[in-house]
mmCIF file of all heavy atoms, coordinates in Angstrom:
data_MODEL
# 
_entry.id   MODEL 
# 
loop_
_atom_site.group_PDB 
_atom_site.id 
_atom_site.type_symbol 
_atom_site.label_atom_id 
_atom_site.label_alt_id 
_atom_site.label_comp_id 
_atom_site.label_asym_id 
_atom_site.label_entity_id 
_atom_site.label_seq_id 
_atom_site.pdbx_PDB_ins_code 
_atom_site.Cartn_x 
_atom_site.Cartn_y 
_atom_site.Cartn_z 
_atom_site.occupancy 
_atom_site.B_iso_or_equiv 
_atom_site.pdbx_formal_charge 
_atom_site.auth_seq_id 
_atom_site.auth_comp_id 
_atom_site.auth_asym_id 
_atom_site.auth_atom_id 
_atom_site.pdbx_PDB_model_num 
ATOM 1   N N   . LEU A 1 1  ? -50.632 -4.592 69.147 1.00 0.00 ? 1  LEU A N   1 
ATOM 2   C CA  . LEU A 1 1  ? -50.383 -4.574 70.559 1.00 0.00 ? 1  LEU A CA  1 
ATOM 3   C C   . LEU A 1 1  ? -49.249 -5.346 71.064 1.00 0.00 ? 1  LEU A C   1 
ATOM 4   O O   . LEU A 1 1  ? -48.298 -4.918 71.729 1.00 0.00 ? 1  LEU A O   1 
ATOM 5   C CB  . LEU A 1 1  ? -51.617 -5.197 71.282 1.00 0.00 ? 1  LEU A CB  1 
ATOM 6   C CG  . LEU A 1 1  ? -51.592 -5.072 72.831 1.00 0.00 ? 1  LEU A CG  1 
ATOM 7   C CD1 . LEU A 1 1  ? -51.546 -3.773 73.466 1.00 0.00 ? 1  LEU A CD1 1 
ATOM 8   C CD2 . LEU A 1 1  ? -52.742 -5.922 73.497 1.00 0.00 ? 1  LEU A CD2 1 
ATOM 9   N N   . ALA A 1 2  ? -49.105 -6.550 70.466 1.00 0.00 ? 2  ALA A N   1 
ATOM 10  C CA  . ALA A 1 2  ? -47.880 -7.408 70.796 1.00 0.00 ? 2  ALA A CA  1 
ATOM 11  C C   . ALA A 1 2  ? -46.602 -6.761 70.267 1.00 0.00 ? 2  ALA A C   1 
ATOM 12  O O   . ALA A 1 2  ? -45.662 -6.630 70.970 1.00 0.00 ? 2  ALA A O   1 
ATOM 13  C CB  . ALA A 1 2  ? -48.040 -8.827 70.110 1.00 0.00 ? 2  ALA A CB  1 
ATOM 14  N N   . GLN A 1 3  ? -46.712 -6.181 69.054 1.00 0.00 ? 3  GLN A N   1 
ATOM 15  C CA  . GLN A 1 3  ? -45.557 -5.558 68.450 1.00 0.00 ? 3  GLN A CA  1 
ATOM 16  C C   . GLN A 1 3  ? -45.021 -4.349 69.220 1.00 0.00 ? 3  GLN A C   1 
ATOM 17  O O   . GLN A 1 3  ? -43.846 -4.061 69.310 1.00 0.00 ? 3  GLN A O   1 
ATOM 18  C CB  . GLN A 1 3  ? -45.797 -5.195 67.004 1.00 0.00 ? 3  GLN A CB  1 
ATOM 19  C CG  . GLN A 1 3  ? -45.839 -6.473 66.045 1.00 0.00 ? 3  GLN A CG  1 
ATOM 20  C CD  . GLN A 1 3  ? -46.319 -6.076 64.657 1.00 0.00 ? 3  GLN A CD  1 
ATOM 21  O OE1 . GLN A 1 3  ? -46.387 -4.948 64.288 1.00 0.00 ? 3  GLN A OE1 1 
ATOM 22  N NE2 . GLN A 1 3  ? -46.701 -7.077 63.871 1.00 0.00 ? 3  GLN A NE2 1 
ATOM 23  N N   . SER A 1 4  ? -46.054 -3.629 69.819 1.00 0.00 ? 4  SER A N   1 
ATOM 24  C CA  . SER A 1 4  ? -45.669 -2.379 70.569 1.00 0.00 ? 4  SER A CA  1 
ATOM 25  C C   . SER A 1 4  ? -44.783 -2.810 71.799 1.00 0.00 ? 4  SER A C   1 
ATOM 26  O O   . SER A 1 4  ? -43.795 -2.114 72.159 1.00 0.00 ? 4  SER A O   1 
ATOM 27  C CB  . SER A 1 4  ? -46.849 -1.664 71.004 1.00 0.00 ? 4  SER A CB  1 
ATOM 28  O OG  . SER A 1 4  ? -47.729 -2.410 71.997 1.00 0.00 ? 4  SER A OG  1 
ATOM 29  N N   . PHE A 1 5  ? -45.082 -3.890 72.480 1.00 0.00 ? 5  PHE A N   1 
ATOM 30  C CA  . PHE A 1 5  ? -44.332 -4.399 73.695 1.00 0.00 ? 5  PHE A CA  1 
ATOM 31  C C   . PHE A 1 5  ? -43.004 -4.886 73.206 1.00 0.00 ? 5  PHE A C   1 
ATOM 32  O O   . PHE A 1 5  ? -41.913 -4.680 73.805 1.00 0.00 ? 5  PHE A O   1 
ATOM 33  C CB  . PHE A 1 5  ? -45.079 -5.332 74.529 1.00 0.00 ? 5  PHE A CB  1 
ATOM 34  C CG  . PHE A 1 5  ? -46.112 -4.750 75.350 1.00 0.00 ? 5  PHE A CG  1 
ATOM 35  C CD1 . PHE A 1 5  ? -47.385 -4.610 74.970 1.00 0.00 ? 5  PHE A CD1 1 
ATOM 36  C CD2 . PHE A 1 5  ? -45.691 -4.206 76.612 1.00 0.00 ? 5  PHE A CD2 1 
ATOM 37  C CE1 . PHE A 1 5  ? -48.312 -4.019 75.829 1.00 0.00 ? 5  PHE A CE1 1 
ATOM 38  C CE2 . PHE A 1 5  ? -46.594 -3.604 77.490 1.00 0.00 ? 5  PHE A CE2 1 
ATOM 39  C CZ  . PHE A 1 5  ? -47.980 -3.484 77.077 1.00 0.00 ? 5  PHE A CZ  1 
ATOM 40  N N   . ILE A 1 6  ? -42.955 -5.644 72.065 1.00 0.00 ? 6  ILE A N   1 
ATOM 41  C CA  . ILE A 1 6  ? -41.718 -6.192 71.615 1.00 0.00 ? 6  ILE A CA  1 
ATOM 42  C C   . ILE A 1 6  ? -40.801 -5.079 71.229 1.00 0.00 ? 6  ILE A C   1 
ATOM 43  O O   . ILE A 1 6  ? -39.567 -5.175 71.540 1.00 0.00 ? 6  ILE A O   1 
ATOM 44  C CB  . ILE A 1 6  ? -41.969 -7.087 70.398 1.00 0.00 ? 6  ILE A CB  1 
ATOM 45  C CG1 . ILE A 1 6  ? -42.824 -8.348 70.885 1.00 0.00 ? 6  ILE A CG1 1 
ATOM 46  C CG2 . ILE A 1 6  ? -40.713 -7.529 69.713 1.00 0.00 ? 6  ILE A CG2 1 
ATOM 47  C CD1 . ILE A 1 6  ? -43.469 -9.139 69.697 1.00 0.00 ? 6  ILE A CD1 1 
ATOM 48  N N   . LEU A 1 7  ? -41.262 -4.166 70.425 1.00 0.00 ? 7  LEU A N   1 
ATOM 49  C CA  . LEU A 1 7  ? -40.354 -3.054 70.003 1.00 0.00 ? 7  LEU A CA  1 
ATOM 50  C C   . LEU A 1 7  ? -39.862 -2.237 71.137 1.00 0.00 ? 7  LEU A C   1 
ATOM 51  O O   . LEU A 1 7  ? -38.727 -1.796 71.212 1.00 0.00 ? 7  LEU A O   1 
ATOM 52  C CB  . LEU A 1 7  ? -41.207 -2.174 68.977 1.00 0.00 ? 7  LEU A CB  1 
ATOM 53  C CG  . LEU A 1 7  ? -40.365 -1.142 68.197 1.00 0.00 ? 7  LEU A CG  1 
ATOM 54  C CD1 . LEU A 1 7  ? -39.293 -1.916 67.348 1.00 0.00 ? 7  LEU A CD1 1 
ATOM 55  C CD2 . LEU A 1 7  ? -41.277 -0.298 67.250 1.00 0.00 ? 7  LEU A CD2 1 
ATOM 56  N N   . ALA A 1 8  ? -40.795 -1.899 72.179 1.00 0.00 ? 8  ALA A N   1 
ATOM 57  C CA  . ALA A 1 8  ? -40.371 -1.202 73.263 1.00 0.00 ? 8  ALA A CA  1 
ATOM 58  C C   . ALA A 1 8  ? -39.214 -1.855 74.023 1.00 0.00 ? 8  ALA A C   1 
ATOM 59  O O   . ALA A 1 8  ? -38.179 -1.250 74.437 1.00 0.00 ? 8  ALA A O   1 
ATOM 60  C CB  . ALA A 1 8  ? -41.483 -0.879 74.241 1.00 0.00 ? 8  ALA A CB  1 
ATOM 61  N N   . PHE A 1 9  ? -39.329 -3.190 74.210 1.00 0.00 ? 9  PHE A N   1 
ATOM 62  C CA  . PHE A 1 9  ? -38.268 -3.940 74.912 1.00 0.00 ? 9  PHE A CA  1 
ATOM 63  C C   . PHE A 1 9  ? -36.988 -3.906 74.159 1.00 0.00 ? 9  PHE A C   1 
ATOM 64  O O   . PHE A 1 9  ? -35.902 -3.783 74.699 1.00 0.00 ? 9  PHE A O   1 
ATOM 65  C CB  . PHE A 1 9  ? -38.770 -5.398 75.188 1.00 0.00 ? 9  PHE A CB  1 
ATOM 66  C CG  . PHE A 1 9  ? -37.743 -6.231 75.832 1.00 0.00 ? 9  PHE A CG  1 
ATOM 67  C CD1 . PHE A 1 9  ? -37.504 -6.256 77.198 1.00 0.00 ? 9  PHE A CD1 1 
ATOM 68  C CD2 . PHE A 1 9  ? -37.099 -7.194 75.081 1.00 0.00 ? 9  PHE A CD2 1 
ATOM 69  C CE1 . PHE A 1 9  ? -36.668 -7.006 77.835 1.00 0.00 ? 9  PHE A CE1 1 
ATOM 70  C CE2 . PHE A 1 9  ? -36.120 -8.082 75.712 1.00 0.00 ? 9  PHE A CE2 1 
ATOM 71  C CZ  . PHE A 1 9  ? -35.941 -7.988 77.068 1.00 0.00 ? 9  PHE A CZ  1 
ATOM 72  N N   . LEU A 1 10 ? -37.138 -4.227 72.848 1.00 0.00 ? 10 LEU A N   1 
ATOM 73  C CA  . LEU A 1 10 ? -35.798 -4.311 72.022 1.00 0.00 ? 10 LEU A CA  1 
ATOM 74  C C   . LEU A 1 10 ? -35.191 -2.956 71.906 1.00 0.00 ? 10 LEU A C   1 
ATOM 75  O O   . LEU A 1 10 ? -33.909 -2.878 72.003 1.00 0.00 ? 10 LEU A O   1 
ATOM 76  C CB  . LEU A 1 10 ? -36.180 -4.880 70.614 1.00 0.00 ? 10 LEU A CB  1 
ATOM 77  C CG  . LEU A 1 10 ? -36.599 -6.329 70.579 1.00 0.00 ? 10 LEU A CG  1 
ATOM 78  C CD1 . LEU A 1 10 ? -37.113 -6.719 69.235 1.00 0.00 ? 10 LEU A CD1 1 
ATOM 79  C CD2 . LEU A 1 10 ? -35.372 -7.208 70.944 1.00 0.00 ? 10 LEU A CD2 1 
ATOM 80  N N   . ASP A 1 11 ? -36.022 -1.855 71.689 1.00 0.00 ? 11 ASP A N   1 
ATOM 81  C CA  . ASP A 1 11 ? -35.399 -0.574 71.623 1.00 0.00 ? 11 ASP A CA  1 
ATOM 82  C C   . ASP A 1 11 ? -34.685 -0.252 72.980 1.00 0.00 ? 11 ASP A C   1 
ATOM 83  O O   . ASP A 1 11 ? -33.636 0.345  72.972 1.00 0.00 ? 11 ASP A O   1 
ATOM 84  C CB  . ASP A 1 11 ? -36.440 0.536  71.413 1.00 0.00 ? 11 ASP A CB  1 
ATOM 85  C CG  . ASP A 1 11 ? -36.869 0.534  69.955 1.00 0.00 ? 11 ASP A CG  1 
ATOM 86  O OD1 . ASP A 1 11 ? -36.287 -0.198 69.116 1.00 0.00 ? 11 ASP A OD1 1 
ATOM 87  O OD2 . ASP A 1 11 ? -37.883 1.265  69.697 1.00 0.00 ? 11 ASP A OD2 1 
ATOM 88  N N   . LYS A 1 12 ? -35.231 -0.521 74.121 1.00 0.00 ? 12 LYS A N   1 
ATOM 89  C CA  . LYS A 1 12 ? -34.558 -0.371 75.367 1.00 0.00 ? 12 LYS A CA  1 
ATOM 90  C C   . LYS A 1 12 ? -33.225 -1.032 75.517 1.00 0.00 ? 12 LYS A C   1 
ATOM 91  O O   . LYS A 1 12 ? -32.198 -0.443 75.974 1.00 0.00 ? 12 LYS A O   1 
ATOM 92  C CB  . LYS A 1 12 ? -35.524 -0.732 76.563 1.00 0.00 ? 12 LYS A CB  1 
ATOM 93  C CG  . LYS A 1 12 ? -34.958 -0.459 77.934 1.00 0.00 ? 12 LYS A CG  1 
ATOM 94  C CD  . LYS A 1 12 ? -35.834 -0.880 79.067 1.00 0.00 ? 12 LYS A CD  1 
ATOM 95  C CE  . LYS A 1 12 ? -35.091 -0.725 80.405 1.00 0.00 ? 12 LYS A CE  1 
ATOM 96  N NZ  . LYS A 1 12 ? -35.893 -1.078 81.584 1.00 0.00 ? 12 LYS A NZ  1 
ATOM 97  N N   . ASN A 1 13 ? -33.249 -2.410 75.144 1.00 0.00 ? 13 ASN A N   1 
ATOM 98  C CA  . ASN A 1 13 ? -32.004 -3.182 75.423 1.00 0.00 ? 13 ASN A CA  1 
ATOM 99  C C   . ASN A 1 13 ? -31.009 -3.130 74.201 1.00 0.00 ? 13 ASN A C   1 
ATOM 100 O O   . ASN A 1 13 ? -29.800 -3.365 74.558 1.00 0.00 ? 13 ASN A O   1 
ATOM 101 C CB  . ASN A 1 13 ? -32.475 -4.620 75.566 1.00 0.00 ? 13 ASN A CB  1 
ATOM 102 C CG  . ASN A 1 13 ? -33.071 -4.702 77.048 1.00 0.00 ? 13 ASN A CG  1 
ATOM 103 O OD1 . ASN A 1 13 ? -32.432 -4.790 78.061 1.00 0.00 ? 13 ASN A OD1 1 
ATOM 104 N ND2 . ASN A 1 13 ? -34.395 -4.835 76.990 1.00 0.00 ? 13 ASN A ND2 1 
ATOM 105 N N   . LEU A 1 14 ? -31.458 -2.898 73.020 1.00 0.00 ? 14 LEU A N   1 
ATOM 106 C CA  . LEU A 1 14 ? -30.463 -2.881 71.925 1.00 0.00 ? 14 LEU A CA  1 
ATOM 107 C C   . LEU A 1 14 ? -30.227 -1.492 71.406 1.00 0.00 ? 14 LEU A C   1 
ATOM 108 O O   . LEU A 1 14 ? -29.174 -1.276 70.728 1.00 0.00 ? 14 LEU A O   1 
ATOM 109 C CB  . LEU A 1 14 ? -30.996 -3.878 70.767 1.00 0.00 ? 14 LEU A CB  1 
ATOM 110 C CG  . LEU A 1 14 ? -31.180 -5.226 71.125 1.00 0.00 ? 14 LEU A CG  1 
ATOM 111 C CD1 . LEU A 1 14 ? -31.562 -5.984 69.827 1.00 0.00 ? 14 LEU A CD1 1 
ATOM 112 C CD2 . LEU A 1 14 ? -29.976 -5.831 71.839 1.00 0.00 ? 14 LEU A CD2 1 
ATOM 113 N N   . LYS A 1 15 ? -31.113 -0.541 71.702 1.00 0.00 ? 15 LYS A N   1 
ATOM 114 C CA  . LYS A 1 15 ? -30.860 0.840  71.178 1.00 0.00 ? 15 LYS A CA  1 
ATOM 115 C C   . LYS A 1 15 ? -30.720 1.864  72.359 1.00 0.00 ? 15 LYS A C   1 
ATOM 116 O O   . LYS A 1 15 ? -30.472 2.973  72.177 1.00 0.00 ? 15 LYS A O   1 
ATOM 117 C CB  . LYS A 1 15 ? -32.044 1.350  70.249 1.00 0.00 ? 15 LYS A CB  1 
ATOM 118 C CG  . LYS A 1 15 ? -32.089 0.520  68.882 1.00 0.00 ? 15 LYS A CG  1 
ATOM 119 C CD  . LYS A 1 15 ? -33.189 1.179  68.068 1.00 0.00 ? 15 LYS A CD  1 
ATOM 120 C CE  . LYS A 1 15 ? -33.345 0.379  66.726 1.00 0.00 ? 15 LYS A CE  1 
ATOM 121 N NZ  . LYS A 1 15 ? -34.349 1.017  65.833 1.00 0.00 ? 15 LYS A NZ  1 
ATOM 122 N N   . HIS A 1 16 ? -30.892 1.219  73.526 1.00 0.00 ? 16 HIS A N   1 
ATOM 123 C CA  . HIS A 1 16 ? -30.743 2.056  74.762 1.00 0.00 ? 16 HIS A CA  1 
ATOM 124 C C   . HIS A 1 16 ? -31.675 3.303  74.895 1.00 0.00 ? 16 HIS A C   1 
ATOM 125 O O   . HIS A 1 16 ? -31.211 4.325  75.326 1.00 0.00 ? 16 HIS A O   1 
ATOM 126 C CB  . HIS A 1 16 ? -29.213 2.389  75.012 1.00 0.00 ? 16 HIS A CB  1 
ATOM 127 C CG  . HIS A 1 16 ? -28.348 1.270  74.799 1.00 0.00 ? 16 HIS A CG  1 
ATOM 128 N ND1 . HIS A 1 16 ? -28.398 0.094  75.571 1.00 0.00 ? 16 HIS A ND1 1 
ATOM 129 C CD2 . HIS A 1 16 ? -27.400 0.869  73.795 1.00 0.00 ? 16 HIS A CD2 1 
ATOM 130 C CE1 . HIS A 1 16 ? -27.477 -0.733 75.251 1.00 0.00 ? 16 HIS A CE1 1 
ATOM 131 N NE2 . HIS A 1 16 ? -26.891 -0.261 74.099 1.00 0.00 ? 16 HIS A NE2 1 
ATOM 132 N N   . THR A 1 17 ? -32.789 3.058  74.491 1.00 0.00 ? 17 THR A N   1 
ATOM 133 C CA  . THR A 1 17 ? -33.845 4.196  74.650 1.00 0.00 ? 17 THR A CA  1 
ATOM 134 C C   . THR A 1 17 ? -34.721 3.969  75.812 1.00 0.00 ? 17 THR A C   1 
ATOM 135 O O   . THR A 1 17 ? -34.727 2.838  76.402 1.00 0.00 ? 17 THR A O   1 
ATOM 136 C CB  . THR A 1 17 ? -34.735 4.206  73.345 1.00 0.00 ? 17 THR A CB  1 
ATOM 137 O OG1 . THR A 1 17 ? -35.515 3.108  73.229 1.00 0.00 ? 17 THR A OG1 1 
ATOM 138 C CG2 . THR A 1 17 ? -33.891 4.395  71.984 1.00 0.00 ? 17 THR A CG2 1 
ATOM 139 N N   . ILE A 1 18 ? -35.479 5.010  76.205 1.00 0.00 ? 18 ILE A N   1 
ATOM 140 C CA  . ILE A 1 18 ? -36.364 4.779  77.351 1.00 0.00 ? 18 ILE A CA  1 
ATOM 141 C C   . ILE A 1 18 ? -37.552 3.998  76.866 1.00 0.00 ? 18 ILE A C   1 
ATOM 142 O O   . ILE A 1 18 ? -37.943 4.101  75.675 1.00 0.00 ? 18 ILE A O   1 
ATOM 143 C CB  . ILE A 1 18 ? -36.736 6.140  78.032 1.00 0.00 ? 18 ILE A CB  1 
ATOM 144 C CG1 . ILE A 1 18 ? -37.477 7.029  76.886 1.00 0.00 ? 18 ILE A CG1 1 
ATOM 145 C CG2 . ILE A 1 18 ? -35.568 6.919  78.499 1.00 0.00 ? 18 ILE A CG2 1 
ATOM 146 C CD1 . ILE A 1 18 ? -38.084 8.244  77.522 1.00 0.00 ? 18 ILE A CD1 1 
ATOM 147 N N   . ALA A 1 19 ? -38.258 3.333  77.761 1.00 0.00 ? 19 ALA A N   1 
ATOM 148 C CA  . ALA A 1 19 ? -39.453 2.522  77.421 1.00 0.00 ? 19 ALA A CA  1 
ATOM 149 C C   . ALA A 1 19 ? -40.658 2.789  78.327 1.00 0.00 ? 19 ALA A C   1 
ATOM 150 O O   . ALA A 1 19 ? -40.839 1.988  79.273 1.00 0.00 ? 19 ALA A O   1 
ATOM 151 C CB  . ALA A 1 19 ? -39.041 0.975  77.460 1.00 0.00 ? 19 ALA A CB  1 
ATOM 152 N N   . PRO A 1 20 ? -41.286 3.871  78.157 1.00 0.00 ? 20 PRO A N   1 
ATOM 153 C CA  . PRO A 1 20 ? -42.377 4.286  79.106 1.00 0.00 ? 20 PRO A CA  1 
ATOM 154 C C   . PRO A 1 20 ? -43.488 3.155  79.100 1.00 0.00 ? 20 PRO A C   1 
ATOM 155 O O   . PRO A 1 20 ? -44.123 2.977  80.090 1.00 0.00 ? 20 PRO A O   1 
ATOM 156 C CB  . PRO A 1 20 ? -42.959 5.557  78.412 1.00 0.00 ? 20 PRO A CB  1 
ATOM 157 C CG  . PRO A 1 20 ? -41.868 6.155  77.704 1.00 0.00 ? 20 PRO A CG  1 
ATOM 158 C CD  . PRO A 1 20 ? -41.009 5.029  77.113 1.00 0.00 ? 20 PRO A CD  1 
ATOM 159 N N   . LEU A 1 21 ? -43.677 2.477  77.950 1.00 0.00 ? 21 LEU A N   1 
ATOM 160 C CA  . LEU A 1 21 ? -44.654 1.391  77.896 1.00 0.00 ? 21 LEU A CA  1 
ATOM 161 C C   . LEU A 1 21 ? -44.426 0.365  78.908 1.00 0.00 ? 21 LEU A C   1 
ATOM 162 O O   . LEU A 1 21 ? -45.357 -0.216 79.503 1.00 0.00 ? 21 LEU A O   1 
ATOM 163 C CB  . LEU A 1 21 ? -44.712 0.868  76.492 1.00 0.00 ? 21 LEU A CB  1 
ATOM 164 C CG  . LEU A 1 21 ? -45.762 -0.251 76.188 1.00 0.00 ? 21 LEU A CG  1 
ATOM 165 C CD1 . LEU A 1 21 ? -47.156 0.408  76.196 1.00 0.00 ? 21 LEU A CD1 1 
ATOM 166 C CD2 . LEU A 1 21 ? -45.547 -0.947 74.824 1.00 0.00 ? 21 LEU A CD2 1 
ATOM 167 N N   . LEU A 1 22 ? -43.158 0.110  79.197 1.00 0.00 ? 22 LEU A N   1 
ATOM 168 C CA  . LEU A 1 22 ? -42.744 -0.947 80.154 1.00 0.00 ? 22 LEU A CA  1 
ATOM 169 C C   . LEU A 1 22 ? -42.471 -0.410 81.545 1.00 0.00 ? 22 LEU A C   1 
ATOM 170 O O   . LEU A 1 22 ? -42.733 -1.091 82.650 1.00 0.00 ? 22 LEU A O   1 
ATOM 171 C CB  . LEU A 1 22 ? -41.597 -1.692 79.697 1.00 0.00 ? 22 LEU A CB  1 
ATOM 172 C CG  . LEU A 1 22 ? -41.747 -2.564 78.377 1.00 0.00 ? 22 LEU A CG  1 
ATOM 173 C CD1 . LEU A 1 22 ? -40.454 -2.937 77.804 1.00 0.00 ? 22 LEU A CD1 1 
ATOM 174 C CD2 . LEU A 1 22 ? -42.592 -3.763 78.651 1.00 0.00 ? 22 LEU A CD2 1 
ATOM 175 N N   . ASP A 1 23 ? -41.879 0.866  81.566 1.00 0.00 ? 23 ASP A N   1 
ATOM 176 C CA  . ASP A 1 23 ? -41.329 1.253  82.842 1.00 0.00 ? 23 ASP A CA  1 
ATOM 177 C C   . ASP A 1 23 ? -42.065 2.400  83.576 1.00 0.00 ? 23 ASP A C   1 
ATOM 178 O O   . ASP A 1 23 ? -41.807 2.711  84.739 1.00 0.00 ? 23 ASP A O   1 
ATOM 179 C CB  . ASP A 1 23 ? -39.897 1.745  82.651 1.00 0.00 ? 23 ASP A CB  1 
ATOM 180 C CG  . ASP A 1 23 ? -38.935 0.650  82.304 1.00 0.00 ? 23 ASP A CG  1 
ATOM 181 O OD1 . ASP A 1 23 ? -39.212 -0.511 82.757 1.00 0.00 ? 23 ASP A OD1 1 
ATOM 182 O OD2 . ASP A 1 23 ? -37.995 0.700  81.438 1.00 0.00 ? 23 ASP A OD2 1 
ATOM 183 N N   . ASP A 1 24 ? -42.958 3.134  82.881 1.00 0.00 ? 24 ASP A N   1 
ATOM 184 C CA  . ASP A 1 24 ? -43.661 4.199  83.489 1.00 0.00 ? 24 ASP A CA  1 
ATOM 185 C C   . ASP A 1 24 ? -44.854 3.686  84.261 1.00 0.00 ? 24 ASP A C   1 
ATOM 186 O O   . ASP A 1 24 ? -45.837 3.110  83.751 1.00 0.00 ? 24 ASP A O   1 
ATOM 187 C CB  . ASP A 1 24 ? -44.167 5.162  82.438 1.00 0.00 ? 24 ASP A CB  1 
ATOM 188 C CG  . ASP A 1 24 ? -44.725 6.441  83.017 1.00 0.00 ? 24 ASP A CG  1 
ATOM 189 O OD1 . ASP A 1 24 ? -44.999 6.533  84.218 1.00 0.00 ? 24 ASP A OD1 1 
ATOM 190 O OD2 . ASP A 1 24 ? -44.858 7.535  82.256 1.00 0.00 ? 24 ASP A OD2 1 
# 
């Protein structure tokens, strides 16, 4: 669970992908 939020945040900010887990 923790890793899913960490990865979503890092992917959004360092790989510039969308992050439904955080933004939807």
